[in-house]
PDB file of N, CA and C in Angstrom:
ATOM      1  N   MET A   1      25.344  18.245  37.828  1.00  0.00           N
ATOM      2  CA  MET A   1      25.684  17.356  37.349  1.00  0.00           C
ATOM      3  C   MET A   1      27.747  17.858  36.485  1.00  0.00           C
ATOM      4  N   LYS A   2      28.648  17.176  36.122  1.00  0.00           N
ATOM      5  CA  LYS A   2      29.872  16.834  35.588  1.00  0.00           C
ATOM      6  C   LYS A   2      29.774  17.121  34.406  1.00  0.00           C
ATOM      7  N   ARG A   3      31.531  17.720  33.928  1.00  0.00           N
ATOM      8  CA  ARG A   3      30.916  17.876  32.713  1.00  0.00           C
ATOM      9  C   ARG A   3      31.009  16.487  31.852  1.00  0.00           C
ATOM     10  N   LYS A   4      31.352  15.241  32.099  1.00  0.00           N
ATOM     11  CA  LYS A   4      31.406  14.447  31.717  1.00  0.00           C
ATOM     12  C   LYS A   4      30.087  13.761  31.322  1.00  0.00           C
ATOM     13  N   ASP A   5      28.838  13.708  32.237  1.00  0.00           N
ATOM     14  CA  ASP A   5      27.695  13.734  32.315  1.00  0.00           C
ATOM     15  C   ASP A   5      26.839  14.574  31.260  1.00  0.00           C
ATOM     16  N   TRP A   6      27.127  15.889  30.844  1.00  0.00           N
ATOM     17  CA  TRP A   6      26.712  16.599  29.848  1.00  0.00           C
ATOM     18  C   TRP A   6      26.749  16.189  28.289  1.00  0.00           C
ATOM     19  N   LEU A   7      28.123  15.743  28.330  1.00  0.00           N
ATOM     20  CA  LEU A   7      28.748  14.928  27.150  1.00  0.00           C
ATOM     21  C   LEU A   7      28.223  14.383  26.592  1.00  0.00           C
ATOM     22  N   ILE A   8      28.216  13.043  27.453  1.00  0.00           N
ATOM     23  CA  ILE A   8      27.245  11.535  27.768  1.00  0.00           C
ATOM     24  C   ILE A   8      25.474  12.374  26.730  1.00  0.00           C
ATOM     25  N   ILE A   9      24.979  12.897  27.591  1.00  0.00           N
ATOM     26  CA  ILE A   9      23.969  13.254  27.381  1.00  0.00           C
ATOM     27  C   ILE A   9      23.242  13.774  25.928  1.00  0.00           C
ATOM     28  N   GLY A  10      24.928  14.882  25.976  1.00  0.00           N
ATOM     29  CA  GLY A  10      24.377  15.349  24.328  1.00  0.00           C
ATOM     30  C   GLY A  10      24.989  14.476  22.852  1.00  0.00           C
ATOM     31  N   GLY A  11      25.782  13.635  23.134  1.00  0.00           N
ATOM     32  CA  GLY A  11      25.836  12.684  22.019  1.00  0.00           C
ATOM     33  C   GLY A  11      24.715  11.594  22.068  1.00  0.00           C
ATOM     34  N   VAL A  12      24.220  11.539  22.979  1.00  0.00           N
ATOM     35  CA  VAL A  12      23.112  10.519  23.005  1.00  0.00           C
ATOM     36  C   VAL A  12      21.781  11.177  21.956  1.00  0.00           C
ATOM     37  N   LEU A  13      21.646  12.378  22.355  1.00  0.00           N
ATOM     38  CA  LEU A  13      20.843  13.185  21.606  1.00  0.00           C
ATOM     39  C   LEU A  13      21.012  13.290  20.549  1.00  0.00           C
ATOM     40  N   LEU A  14      22.507  13.902  20.406  1.00  0.00           N
ATOM     41  CA  LEU A  14      23.498  13.904  18.322  1.00  0.00           C
ATOM     42  C   LEU A  14      22.709  12.837  17.536  1.00  0.00           C
ATOM     43  N   LEU A  15      22.939  11.120  18.463  1.00  0.00           N
ATOM     44  CA  LEU A  15      23.013   9.823  17.639  1.00  0.00           C
ATOM     45  C   LEU A  15      21.727   9.592  17.341  1.00  0.00           C
ATOM     46  N   ALA A  16      20.547   9.745  18.404  1.00  0.00           N
ATOM     47  CA  ALA A  16      19.030   9.816  18.630  1.00  0.00           C
ATOM     48  C   ALA A  16      18.340  10.972  17.149  1.00  0.00           C
ATOM     49  N   ALA A  17      19.002  11.885  17.040  1.00  0.00           N
ATOM     50  CA  ALA A  17      18.661  13.091  16.133  1.00  0.00           C
ATOM     51  C   ALA A  17      19.297  12.751  14.638  1.00  0.00           C
ATOM     52  N   VAL A  18      20.228  12.377  14.571  1.00  0.00           N
ATOM     53  CA  VAL A  18      20.977  11.294  13.059  1.00  0.00           C
ATOM     54  C   VAL A  18      20.386  10.559  12.987  1.00  0.00           C
ATOM     55  N   VAL A  19      20.067   9.269  13.800  1.00  0.00           N
ATOM     56  CA  VAL A  19      19.379   7.920  13.369  1.00  0.00           C
ATOM     57  C   VAL A  19      17.862   8.485  12.694  1.00  0.00           C
ATOM     58  N   PHE A  20      17.300   9.309  13.605  1.00  0.00           N
ATOM     59  CA  PHE A  20      16.254   9.635  13.430  1.00  0.00           C
ATOM     60  C   PHE A  20      15.838  10.405  11.673  1.00  0.00           C
ATOM     61  N   PHE A  21      16.956  11.573  11.352  1.00  0.00           N
ATOM     62  CA  PHE A  21      16.906  12.232  10.025  1.00  0.00           C
ATOM     63  C   PHE A  21      17.102  11.271   8.873  1.00  0.00           C
ATOM     64  N   VAL A  22      18.259  10.191   9.472  1.00  0.00           N
ATOM     65  CA  VAL A  22      18.255   9.355   8.426  1.00  0.00           C
ATOM     66  C   VAL A  22      17.361   8.530   7.832  1.00  0.00           C
ATOM     67  N   SER A  23      16.749   7.813   8.845  1.00  0.00           N
ATOM     68  CA  SER A  23      15.272   7.110   8.528  1.00  0.00           C
ATOM     69  C   SER A  23      14.749   7.418   7.724  1.00  0.00           C
ATOM     70  N   ARG A  24      14.241   9.330   7.996  1.00  0.00           N
ATOM     71  CA  ARG A  24      12.727   9.548   7.290  1.00  0.00           C
ATOM     72  C   ARG A  24      14.013   9.511   5.895  1.00  0.00           C
ATOM     73  N   LEU A  25      14.744   9.578   5.799  1.00  0.00           N
ATOM     74  CA  LEU A  25      15.903  10.095   4.309  1.00  0.00           C
ATOM     75  C   LEU A  25      15.539   8.491   3.446  1.00  0.00           C
ATOM     76  N   ILE A  26      15.837   7.216   3.990  1.00  0.00           N
ATOM     77  CA  ILE A  26      15.790   6.705   3.677  1.00  0.00           C
ATOM     78  C   ILE A  26      14.279   5.948   3.627  1.00  0.00           C
ATOM     79  N   LYS A  27      13.800   5.927   1.743  1.00  0.00           N
ATOM     80  CA  LYS A  27      12.849   5.802   1.531  1.00  0.00           C
ATOM     81  C   LYS A  27      12.847   3.797   0.867  1.00  0.00           C
ATOM     82  N   PRO A  28      11.822   3.018   0.750  1.00  0.00           N
ATOM     83  CA  PRO A  28      11.918   2.124   0.568  1.00  0.00           C
ATOM     84  C   PRO A  28      12.234   2.020  -0.780  1.00  0.00           C
ATOM     85  N   ASP A  29      12.192   0.954  -1.426  1.00  0.00           N
ATOM     86  CA  ASP A  29      12.235   0.549  -2.681  1.00  0.00           C
ATOM     87  C   ASP A  29      11.200   0.563  -3.535  1.00  0.00           C
ATOM     88  N   ILE A  30      10.485   0.813  -4.268  1.00  0.00           N
ATOM     89  CA  ILE A  30       8.766   0.647  -4.913  1.00  0.00           C
ATOM     90  C   ILE A  30       8.844   0.089  -6.038  1.00  0.00           C
ATOM     91  N   SER A  31      10.517  -0.052  -6.558  1.00  0.00           N
ATOM     92  CA  SER A  31      10.353   0.112  -8.223  1.00  0.00           C
ATOM     93  C   SER A  31       9.661  -1.208  -8.679  1.00  0.00           C
ATOM     94  N   GLY A  32       9.630  -2.173  -8.315  1.00  0.00           N
ATOM     95  CA  GLY A  32       9.030  -3.745  -8.235  1.00  0.00           C
ATOM     96  C   GLY A  32       7.891  -3.259  -7.446  1.00  0.00           C
ATOM     97  N   ALA A  33       7.447  -3.182  -7.153  1.00  0.00           N
ATOM     98  CA  ALA A  33       5.832  -2.917  -6.774  1.00  0.00           C
ATOM     99  C   ALA A  33       5.271  -3.087  -7.404  1.00  0.00           C
ATOM    100  N   ALA A  34       3.793  -3.902  -7.126  1.00  0.00           N
ATOM    101  CA  ALA A  34       2.764  -4.374  -8.530  1.00  0.00           C
ATOM    102  C   ALA A  34       2.047  -4.526  -7.516  1.00  0.00           C
ATOM    103  N   VAL A  35       0.344  -4.298  -8.291  1.00  0.00           N
ATOM    104  CA  VAL A  35      -0.767  -5.002  -8.524  1.00  0.00           C
ATOM    105  C   VAL A  35      -1.561  -5.916  -8.510  1.00  0.00           C
ATOM    106  N   THR A  36      -2.154  -6.438  -8.286  1.00  0.00           N
ATOM    107  CA  THR A  36      -2.298  -7.518  -8.689  1.00  0.00           C
ATOM    108  C   THR A  36      -3.969  -7.735  -8.372  1.00  0.00           C
ATOM    109  N   VAL A  37      -4.771  -7.714  -9.110  1.00  0.00           N
ATOM    110  CA  VAL A  37      -6.121  -7.893  -9.180  1.00  0.00           C
ATOM    111  C   VAL A  37      -7.223  -9.605  -9.596  1.00  0.00           C
ATOM    112  N   TYR A  38      -7.430  -9.587  -8.253  1.00  0.00           N
ATOM    113  CA  TYR A  38      -7.614 -11.445  -8.478  1.00  0.00           C
ATOM    114  C   TYR A  38      -9.333 -11.343  -9.110  1.00  0.00           C
ATOM    115  N   VAL A  39      -9.726 -12.008  -9.647  1.00  0.00           N
ATOM    116  CA  VAL A  39     -12.084 -12.063 -10.041  1.00  0.00           C
ATOM    117  C   VAL A  39     -11.800 -13.678  -9.701  1.00  0.00           C
ATOM    118  N   GLY A  40     -12.922 -13.831  -8.724  1.00  0.00           N
ATOM    119  CA  GLY A  40     -13.530 -15.177  -8.557  1.00  0.00           C
ATOM    120  C   GLY A  40     -11.589 -16.284  -7.993  1.00  0.00           C
ATOM    121  N   GLY A  41     -10.872 -15.701  -7.721  1.00  0.00           N
ATOM    122  CA  GLY A  41      -9.827 -16.432  -7.195  1.00  0.00           C
ATOM    123  C   GLY A  41      -8.457 -16.846  -8.183  1.00  0.00           C
ATOM    124  N   GLU A  42      -9.028 -16.121  -9.828  1.00  0.00           N
ATOM    125  CA  GLU A  42      -8.145 -15.893 -10.828  1.00  0.00           C
ATOM    126  C   GLU A  42      -7.432 -14.719 -11.018  1.00  0.00           C
ATOM    127  N   VAL A  43      -6.272 -14.823 -11.194  1.00  0.00           N
ATOM    128  CA  VAL A  43      -5.454 -13.923 -11.646  1.00  0.00           C
ATOM    129  C   VAL A  43      -6.102 -12.553 -12.866  1.00  0.00           C
ATOM    130  N   TYR A  44      -6.814 -11.117 -12.744  1.00  0.00           N
ATOM    131  CA  TYR A  44      -7.493 -11.004 -13.423  1.00  0.00           C
ATOM    132  C   TYR A  44      -6.757  -9.082 -14.680  1.00  0.00           C
ATOM    133  N   ALA A  45      -5.775  -9.097 -13.643  1.00  0.00           N
ATOM    134  CA  ALA A  45      -4.602  -7.757 -13.938  1.00  0.00           C
ATOM    135  C   ALA A  45      -3.377  -7.691 -13.289  1.00  0.00           C
ATOM    136  N   ARG A  46      -2.368  -8.035 -13.782  1.00  0.00           N
ATOM    137  CA  ARG A  46      -1.267  -7.669 -12.655  1.00  0.00           C
ATOM    138  C   ARG A  46      -0.173  -5.973 -13.395  1.00  0.00           C
ATOM    139  N   VAL A  47      -0.595  -5.108 -12.913  1.00  0.00           N
ATOM    140  CA  VAL A  47       0.526  -3.908 -13.404  1.00  0.00           C
ATOM    141  C   VAL A  47       1.506  -3.391 -12.162  1.00  0.00           C
ATOM    142  N   SER A  48       2.132  -2.477 -12.626  1.00  0.00           N
ATOM    143  CA  SER A  48       2.925  -1.196 -12.096  1.00  0.00           C
ATOM    144  C   SER A  48       1.973  -0.701 -11.102  1.00  0.00           C
ATOM    145  N   ALA A  49       2.685  -0.427 -10.058  1.00  0.00           N
ATOM    146  CA  ALA A  49       2.398   0.176  -8.836  1.00  0.00           C
ATOM    147  C   ALA A  49       2.664   1.479  -8.844  1.00  0.00           C
ATOM    148  N   ASN A  50       3.620   1.694 -10.004  1.00  0.00           N
ATOM    149  CA  ASN A  50       4.532   3.091 -10.075  1.00  0.00           C
ATOM    150  C   ASN A  50       4.339   3.484 -11.167  1.00  0.00           C
ATOM    151  N   GLU A  51       2.965   3.348 -11.927  1.00  0.00           N
ATOM    152  CA  GLU A  51       2.453   4.289 -12.878  1.00  0.00           C
ATOM    153  C   GLU A  51       0.691   4.684 -12.710  1.00  0.00           C
ATOM    154  N   TYR A  52      -0.415   5.215 -13.302  1.00  0.00           N
ATOM    155  CA  TYR A  52      -1.127   5.940 -13.370  1.00  0.00           C
ATOM    156  C   TYR A  52      -1.996   4.883 -13.988  1.00  0.00           C
ATOM    157  N   HIS A  53      -3.080   3.840 -13.224  1.00  0.00           N
ATOM    158  CA  HIS A  53      -3.640   2.782 -14.015  1.00  0.00           C
ATOM    159  C   HIS A  53      -5.211   2.903 -13.221  1.00  0.00           C
ATOM    160  N   THR A  54      -6.589   2.888 -14.282  1.00  0.00           N
ATOM    161  CA  THR A  54      -7.997   2.738 -13.643  1.00  0.00           C
ATOM    162  C   THR A  54      -7.990   1.223 -14.960  1.00  0.00           C
ATOM    163  N   ILE A  55      -8.244   0.182 -13.445  1.00  0.00           N
ATOM    164  CA  ILE A  55      -8.585  -1.106 -14.173  1.00  0.00           C
ATOM    165  C   ILE A  55     -10.351  -1.725 -13.952  1.00  0.00           C
ATOM    166  N   THR A  56     -11.277  -1.516 -14.900  1.00  0.00           N
ATOM    167  CA  THR A  56     -12.277  -1.461 -14.624  1.00  0.00           C
ATOM    168  C   THR A  56     -12.685  -3.244 -14.977  1.00  0.00           C
ATOM    169  N   ILE A  57     -13.249  -3.998 -13.931  1.00  0.00           N
ATOM    170  CA  ILE A  57     -13.422  -5.396 -14.019  1.00  0.00           C
ATOM    171  C   ILE A  57     -14.844  -5.457 -14.160  1.00  0.00           C
ATOM    172  N   ASP A  58     -15.483  -5.458 -15.052  1.00  0.00           N
ATOM    173  CA  ASP A  58     -16.577  -5.899 -16.022  1.00  0.00           C
ATOM    174  C   ASP A  58     -16.896  -7.202 -15.884  1.00  0.00           C
ATOM    175  N   GLN A  59     -17.541  -8.222 -14.940  1.00  0.00           N
ATOM    176  CA  GLN A  59     -18.012  -9.368 -14.863  1.00  0.00           C
ATOM    177  C   GLN A  59     -19.004  -9.828 -16.008  1.00  0.00           C
ATOM    178  N   GLY A  60     -20.109  -9.006 -16.153  1.00  0.00           N
ATOM    179  CA  GLY A  60     -21.186  -9.251 -17.388  1.00  0.00           C
ATOM    180  C   GLY A  60     -22.191  -9.678 -17.145  1.00  0.00           C
ATOM    181  N   ASP A  61     -21.848  -9.782 -15.010  1.00  0.00           N
ATOM    182  CA  ASP A  61     -23.767  -9.995 -14.666  1.00  0.00           C
ATOM    183  C   ASP A  61     -23.844  -8.960 -13.990  1.00  0.00           C
ATOM    184  N   GLY A  62     -23.798  -7.413 -14.275  1.00  0.00           N
ATOM    185  CA  GLY A  62     -23.852  -6.573 -13.712  1.00  0.00           C
ATOM    186  C   GLY A  62     -23.062  -6.221 -12.481  1.00  0.00           C
ATOM    187  N   LYS A  63     -22.120  -7.388 -12.132  1.00  0.00           N
ATOM    188  CA  LYS A  63     -20.896  -6.526 -10.606  1.00  0.00           C
ATOM    189  C   LYS A  63     -19.426  -6.458 -11.938  1.00  0.00           C
ATOM    190  N   VAL A  64     -19.411  -4.657 -11.542  1.00  0.00           N
ATOM    191  CA  VAL A  64     -18.496  -4.009 -11.924  1.00  0.00           C
ATOM    192  C   VAL A  64     -17.622  -3.251 -10.705  1.00  0.00           C
ATOM    193  N   ASN A  65     -16.345  -3.612 -10.890  1.00  0.00           N
ATOM    194  CA  ASN A  65     -15.734  -2.521  -9.999  1.00  0.00           C
ATOM    195  C   ASN A  65     -14.287  -1.884 -10.749  1.00  0.00           C
ATOM    196  N   VAL A  66     -14.341  -0.606  -9.828  1.00  0.00           N
ATOM    197  CA  VAL A  66     -13.405   0.378 -10.838  1.00  0.00           C
ATOM    198  C   VAL A  66     -11.838   0.323  -9.849  1.00  0.00           C
ATOM    199  N   VAL A  67     -10.925  -0.046  -9.804  1.00  0.00           N
ATOM    200  CA  VAL A  67      -9.502   0.437  -9.272  1.00  0.00           C
ATOM    201  C   VAL A  67      -9.145   1.119  -9.856  1.00  0.00           C
ATOM    202  N   VAL A  68      -8.198   2.416  -9.130  1.00  0.00           N
ATOM    203  CA  VAL A  68      -7.474   3.122  -9.690  1.00  0.00           C
ATOM    204  C   VAL A  68      -6.419   3.392  -8.739  1.00  0.00           C
ATOM    205  N   ILE A  69      -4.809   3.252  -9.609  1.00  0.00           N
ATOM    206  CA  ILE A  69      -3.498   3.281  -9.085  1.00  0.00           C
ATOM    207  C   ILE A  69      -3.158   4.858  -9.948  1.00  0.00           C
ATOM    208  N   ASP A  70      -3.087   5.559  -8.021  1.00  0.00           N
ATOM    209  CA  ASP A  70      -2.605   7.158  -8.381  1.00  0.00           C
ATOM    210  C   ASP A  70      -1.393   7.787  -7.318  1.00  0.00           C
ATOM    211  N   ALA A  71      -1.376   8.727  -7.315  1.00  0.00           N
ATOM    212  CA  ALA A  71      -0.312   9.470  -6.282  1.00  0.00           C
ATOM    213  C   ALA A  71      -1.336   9.389  -5.012  1.00  0.00           C
ATOM    214  N   ALA A  72      -2.093   8.943  -4.633  1.00  0.00           N
ATOM    215  CA  ALA A  72      -2.753   8.722  -3.256  1.00  0.00           C
ATOM    216  C   ALA A  72      -2.451   6.886  -2.915  1.00  0.00           C
ATOM    217  N   GLY A  73      -2.097   6.341  -3.764  1.00  0.00           N
ATOM    218  CA  GLY A  73      -1.901   4.769  -3.517  1.00  0.00           C
ATOM    219  C   GLY A  73      -3.056   3.875  -4.707  1.00  0.00           C
ATOM    220  N   VAL A  74      -3.266   2.782  -4.334  1.00  0.00           N
ATOM    221  CA  VAL A  74      -4.353   1.822  -4.921  1.00  0.00           C
ATOM    222  C   VAL A  74      -5.540   2.030  -3.967  1.00  0.00           C
ATOM    223  N   ARG A  75      -7.087   2.332  -4.667  1.00  0.00           N
ATOM    224  CA  ARG A  75      -8.113   2.428  -3.589  1.00  0.00           C
ATOM    225  C   ARG A  75      -9.295   1.580  -4.949  1.00  0.00           C
ATOM    226  N   MET A  76     -10.128   1.094  -4.708  1.00  0.00           N
ATOM    227  CA  MET A  76     -11.331   0.787  -5.337  1.00  0.00           C
ATOM    228  C   MET A  76     -12.106   1.901  -5.251  1.00  0.00           C
ATOM    229  N   ASP A  77     -12.269   2.170  -6.497  1.00  0.00           N
ATOM    230  CA  ASP A  77     -12.826   3.692  -7.001  1.00  0.00           C
ATOM    231  C   ASP A  77     -14.694   3.658  -7.011  1.00  0.00           C
ATOM    232  N   SER A  78     -15.078   3.053  -7.389  1.00  0.00           N
ATOM    233  CA  SER A  78     -16.397   2.777  -7.196  1.00  0.00           C
ATOM    234  C   SER A  78     -16.259   0.631  -7.367  1.00  0.00           C
ATOM    235  N   SER A  79     -18.028   0.347  -6.974  1.00  0.00           N
ATOM    236  CA  SER A  79     -18.348  -1.038  -6.743  1.00  0.00           C
ATOM    237  C   SER A  79     -19.484  -1.039  -6.675  1.00  0.00           C
ATOM    238  N   THR A  80     -20.078  -2.253  -7.768  1.00  0.00           N
ATOM    239  CA  THR A  80     -22.141  -2.290  -7.652  1.00  0.00           C
ATOM    240  C   THR A  80     -22.422  -3.133  -6.215  1.00  0.00           C
ATOM    241  N   CYS A  81     -21.494  -3.336  -5.716  1.00  0.00           N
ATOM    242  CA  CYS A  81     -22.062  -4.330  -4.811  1.00  0.00           C
ATOM    243  C   CYS A  81     -22.889  -2.966  -3.238  1.00  0.00           C
ATOM    244  N   LYS A  82     -23.422  -4.294  -2.830  1.00  0.00           N
ATOM    245  CA  LYS A  82     -24.649  -3.144  -1.653  1.00  0.00           C
ATOM    246  C   LYS A  82     -23.825  -2.561  -0.452  1.00  0.00           C
ATOM    247  N   ASN A  83     -22.603  -3.260   0.129  1.00  0.00           N
ATOM    248  CA  ASN A  83     -22.327  -2.812   1.003  1.00  0.00           C
ATOM    249  C   ASN A  83     -21.287  -1.171   0.974  1.00  0.00           C
ATOM    250  N   GLN A  84     -20.704  -1.722   0.061  1.00  0.00           N
ATOM    251  CA  GLN A  84     -19.002  -0.641  -0.282  1.00  0.00           C
ATOM    252  C   GLN A  84     -18.130  -0.270   0.773  1.00  0.00           C
ATOM    253  N   LEU A  85     -17.698  -1.545   1.797  1.00  0.00           N
ATOM    254  CA  LEU A  85     -17.034  -1.676   2.083  1.00  0.00           C
ATOM    255  C   LEU A  85     -15.374  -1.674   1.355  1.00  0.00           C
ATOM    256  N   CYS A  86     -15.121  -2.371   0.335  1.00  0.00           N
ATOM    257  CA  CYS A  86     -14.321  -1.834  -0.401  1.00  0.00           C
ATOM    258  C   CYS A  86     -13.754  -0.648  -0.836  1.00  0.00           C
ATOM    259  N   VAL A  87     -14.849   0.197  -0.898  1.00  0.00           N
ATOM    260  CA  VAL A  87     -14.845   1.528  -1.380  1.00  0.00           C
ATOM    261  C   VAL A  87     -14.246   2.694  -0.529  1.00  0.00           C
ATOM    262  N   LYS A  88     -15.035   2.021   0.648  1.00  0.00           N
ATOM    263  CA  LYS A  88     -14.796   2.413   1.949  1.00  0.00           C
ATOM    264  C   LYS A  88     -13.290   2.625   2.745  1.00  0.00           C
ATOM    265  N   HIS A  89     -12.539   1.292   1.699  1.00  0.00           N
ATOM    266  CA  HIS A  89     -11.274   1.540   2.173  1.00  0.00           C
ATOM    267  C   HIS A  89     -10.234   2.211   1.992  1.00  0.00           C
ATOM    268  N   ALA A  90      -9.627   2.981   2.906  1.00  0.00           N
ATOM    269  CA  ALA A  90      -8.470   3.417   2.724  1.00  0.00           C
ATOM    270  C   ALA A  90      -7.597   3.017   1.861  1.00  0.00           C
ATOM    271  N   PRO A  91      -6.871   3.742   0.741  1.00  0.00           N
ATOM    272  CA  PRO A  91      -6.009   3.604  -0.305  1.00  0.00           C
ATOM    273  C   PRO A  91      -4.860   2.808   0.662  1.00  0.00           C
ATOM    274  N   VAL A  92      -4.137   1.870  -0.545  1.00  0.00           N
ATOM    275  CA  VAL A  92      -3.075   1.175   0.029  1.00  0.00           C
ATOM    276  C   VAL A  92      -2.045   1.814  -0.631  1.00  0.00           C
ATOM    277  N   ASP A  93      -0.756   2.331   0.056  1.00  0.00           N
ATOM    278  CA  ASP A  93       0.357   2.710  -0.398  1.00  0.00           C
ATOM    279  C   ASP A  93       1.150   2.100  -0.186  1.00  0.00           C
ATOM    280  N   PRO A  94       1.509   1.609  -1.823  1.00  0.00           N
ATOM    281  CA  PRO A  94       3.008   0.316  -1.739  1.00  0.00           C
ATOM    282  C   PRO A  94       4.058   1.405  -1.013  1.00  0.00           C
ATOM    283  N   ASN A  95       4.099   2.345  -0.732  1.00  0.00           N
ATOM    284  CA  ASN A  95       5.621   2.369   0.234  1.00  0.00           C
ATOM    285  C   ASN A  95       4.920   2.088   1.976  1.00  0.00           C
ATOM    286  N   ASN A  96       4.745   2.127   2.146  1.00  0.00           N
ATOM    287  CA  ASN A  96       3.991   1.303   3.732  1.00  0.00           C
ATOM    288  C   ASN A  96       3.502   0.271   3.531  1.00  0.00           C
ATOM    289  N   ILE A  97       3.933  -1.206   2.458  1.00  0.00           N
ATOM    290  CA  ILE A  97       4.033  -2.050   2.678  1.00  0.00           C
ATOM    291  C   ILE A  97       4.379  -3.005   3.433  1.00  0.00           C
ATOM    292  N   GLY A  98       3.406  -3.842   3.910  1.00  0.00           N
ATOM    293  CA  GLY A  98       4.663  -4.398   5.721  1.00  0.00           C
ATOM    294  C   GLY A  98       4.413  -3.666   6.551  1.00  0.00           C
ATOM    295  N   GLU A  99       4.334  -2.403   6.681  1.00  0.00           N
ATOM    296  CA  GLU A  99       4.409  -2.083   8.248  1.00  0.00           C
ATOM    297  C   GLU A  99       3.104  -2.897   8.725  1.00  0.00           C
ATOM    298  N   ILE A 100       1.937  -2.491   8.334  1.00  0.00           N
ATOM    299  CA  ILE A 100       0.493  -3.674   9.097  1.00  0.00           C
ATOM    300  C   ILE A 100       0.258  -4.621   8.234  1.00  0.00           C
ATOM    301  N   GLU A 101      -0.161  -5.843   9.055  1.00  0.00           N
ATOM    302  CA  GLU A 101      -0.558  -7.185   8.314  1.00  0.00           C
ATOM    303  C   GLU A 101      -1.502  -7.237   7.475  1.00  0.00           C
ATOM    304  N   PHE A 102      -1.467  -7.989   6.241  1.00  0.00           N
ATOM    305  CA  PHE A 102      -2.736  -7.874   5.363  1.00  0.00           C
ATOM    306  C   PHE A 102      -3.583  -6.125   5.255  1.00  0.00           C
ATOM    307  N   ASP A 103      -2.652  -5.713   5.301  1.00  0.00           N
ATOM    308  CA  ASP A 103      -3.382  -4.110   5.382  1.00  0.00           C
ATOM    309  C   ASP A 103      -2.970  -3.384   3.858  1.00  0.00           C
ATOM    310  N   ASN A 104      -2.501  -4.296   2.961  1.00  0.00           N
ATOM    311  CA  ASN A 104      -2.114  -4.843   1.757  1.00  0.00           C
ATOM    312  C   ASN A 104      -3.146  -5.427   0.442  1.00  0.00           C
ATOM    313  N   TRP A 105      -4.112  -5.173   1.142  1.00  0.00           N
ATOM    314  CA  TRP A 105      -5.498  -6.276   0.369  1.00  0.00           C
ATOM    315  C   TRP A 105      -6.589  -5.020   0.462  1.00  0.00           C
ATOM    316  N   ILE A 106      -7.606  -4.942  -0.417  1.00  0.00           N
ATOM    317  CA  ILE A 106      -8.570  -4.660  -0.516  1.00  0.00           C
ATOM    318  C   ILE A 106      -9.340  -5.888  -1.036  1.00  0.00           C
ATOM    319  N   ILE A 107     -10.593  -5.819  -0.608  1.00  0.00           N
ATOM    320  CA  ILE A 107     -11.255  -7.339  -0.912  1.00  0.00           C
ATOM    321  C   ILE A 107     -13.140  -6.827  -0.890  1.00  0.00           C
ATOM    322  N   CYS A 108     -13.548  -7.064  -2.424  1.00  0.00           N
ATOM    323  CA  CYS A 108     -14.847  -6.839  -2.584  1.00  0.00           C
ATOM    324  C   CYS A 108     -15.472  -8.466  -2.786  1.00  0.00           C
ATOM    325  N   MET A 109     -16.352  -8.927  -1.265  1.00  0.00           N
ATOM    326  CA  MET A 109     -16.705  -9.927  -1.063  1.00  0.00           C
ATOM    327  C   MET A 109     -17.895 -10.379  -2.166  1.00  0.00           C
ATOM    328  N   PRO A 110     -18.887  -9.632  -2.307  1.00  0.00           N
ATOM    329  CA  PRO A 110     -19.843  -9.909  -2.767  1.00  0.00           C
ATOM    330  C   PRO A 110     -19.982 -10.306  -4.074  1.00  0.00           C
ATOM    331  N   ASN A 111     -18.777  -9.453  -5.182  1.00  0.00           N
ATOM    332  CA  ASN A 111     -18.573  -9.554  -6.906  1.00  0.00           C
ATOM    333  C   ASN A 111     -17.030  -9.996  -6.396  1.00  0.00           C
ATOM    334  N   GLY A 112     -16.743 -10.651  -5.478  1.00  0.00           N
ATOM    335  CA  GLY A 112     -15.399 -11.647  -5.781  1.00  0.00           C
ATOM    336  C   GLY A 112     -14.395 -11.172  -5.990  1.00  0.00           C
ATOM    337  N   VAL A 113     -13.627  -9.890  -6.164  1.00  0.00           N
ATOM    338  CA  VAL A 113     -12.886  -9.225  -6.510  1.00  0.00           C
ATOM    339  C   VAL A 113     -12.237  -8.918  -5.406  1.00  0.00           C
ATOM    340  N   SER A 114     -10.406  -9.482  -5.715  1.00  0.00           N
ATOM    341  CA  SER A 114      -9.268  -8.621  -4.540  1.00  0.00           C
ATOM    342  C   SER A 114      -8.436  -8.144  -5.333  1.00  0.00           C
ATOM    343  N   VAL A 115      -7.757  -7.092  -4.075  1.00  0.00           N
ATOM    344  CA  VAL A 115      -6.984  -6.615  -4.994  1.00  0.00           C
ATOM    345  C   VAL A 115      -5.485  -6.701  -3.805  1.00  0.00           C
ATOM    346  N   GLU A 116      -4.293  -7.048  -4.529  1.00  0.00           N
ATOM    347  CA  GLU A 116      -2.963  -7.361  -3.943  1.00  0.00           C
ATOM    348  C   GLU A 116      -1.964  -6.382  -3.841  1.00  0.00           C
ATOM    349  N   VAL A 117      -1.622  -5.873  -2.958  1.00  0.00           N
ATOM    350  CA  VAL A 117      -0.277  -4.847  -3.304  1.00  0.00           C
ATOM    351  C   VAL A 117       1.172  -5.577  -2.694  1.00  0.00           C
ATOM    352  N   THR A 118       1.497  -5.678  -3.482  1.00  0.00           N
ATOM    353  CA  THR A 118       2.940  -6.449  -3.364  1.00  0.00           C
ATOM    354  C   THR A 118       4.370  -5.593  -3.461  1.00  0.00           C
ATOM    355  N   GLY A 119       5.600  -5.340  -2.187  1.00  0.00           N
ATOM    356  CA  GLY A 119       6.442  -4.460  -2.088  1.00  0.00           C
ATOM    357  C   GLY A 119       7.622  -4.610  -3.101  1.00  0.00           C
ATOM    358  N   GLY A 120       8.172  -4.096  -3.817  1.00  0.00           N
ATOM    359  CA  GLY A 120       9.347  -4.466  -4.825  1.00  0.00           C
ATOM    360  C   GLY A 120      10.811  -5.174  -4.569  1.00  0.00           C
ATOM    361  N   GLU A 121      10.209  -5.485  -3.121  1.00  0.00           N
ATOM    362  CA  GLU A 121      11.740  -5.970  -2.706  1.00  0.00           C
ATOM    363  C   GLU A 121      11.614  -7.689  -2.279  1.00  0.00           C
ATOM    364  N   GLY A 122      11.515  -8.413  -2.754  1.00  0.00           N
ATOM    365  CA  GLY A 122      10.633  -9.693  -2.655  1.00  0.00           C
ATOM    366  C   GLY A 122       9.462 -10.108  -2.353  1.00  0.00           C
ATOM    367  N   GLY A 123       8.415  -8.563  -3.268  1.00  0.00           N
ATOM    368  CA  GLY A 123       7.432  -9.796  -3.048  1.00  0.00           C
ATOM    369  C   GLY A 123       6.681  -9.103  -1.772  1.00  0.00           C
ATOM    370  N   GLN A 124       6.884  -8.601  -0.874  1.00  0.00           N
ATOM    371  CA  GLN A 124       5.682  -8.640   0.478  1.00  0.00           C
ATOM    372  C   GLN A 124       4.705  -9.138   0.071  1.00  0.00           C
TER     373      GLN A 124
END
């Protein structure tokens, strides 16, 4: 190969490395990220995703859910439902909102509780 070929290959590799590292340095703005808890389709609570919270939803008829917001993300910590699918759901990370469609929801169908995590820019 000629010198020009090596320069082109080196330039492309350098450009790829720069783009890779810059993309890792730029983090999404989650300053406005929020967690909204719905019970029976109605808003029960809306809190910031940037602060640690524990939200206990006691519907008074034996249906209890506990939502935790911490460094791991937003998760359903416990529920009185039988199938426990909401508790087994992986934590939702406010930093990754929008990467996977509909992955910003945790739903407990038996208890009628839904948790939505929205991003800071335009409420993704």
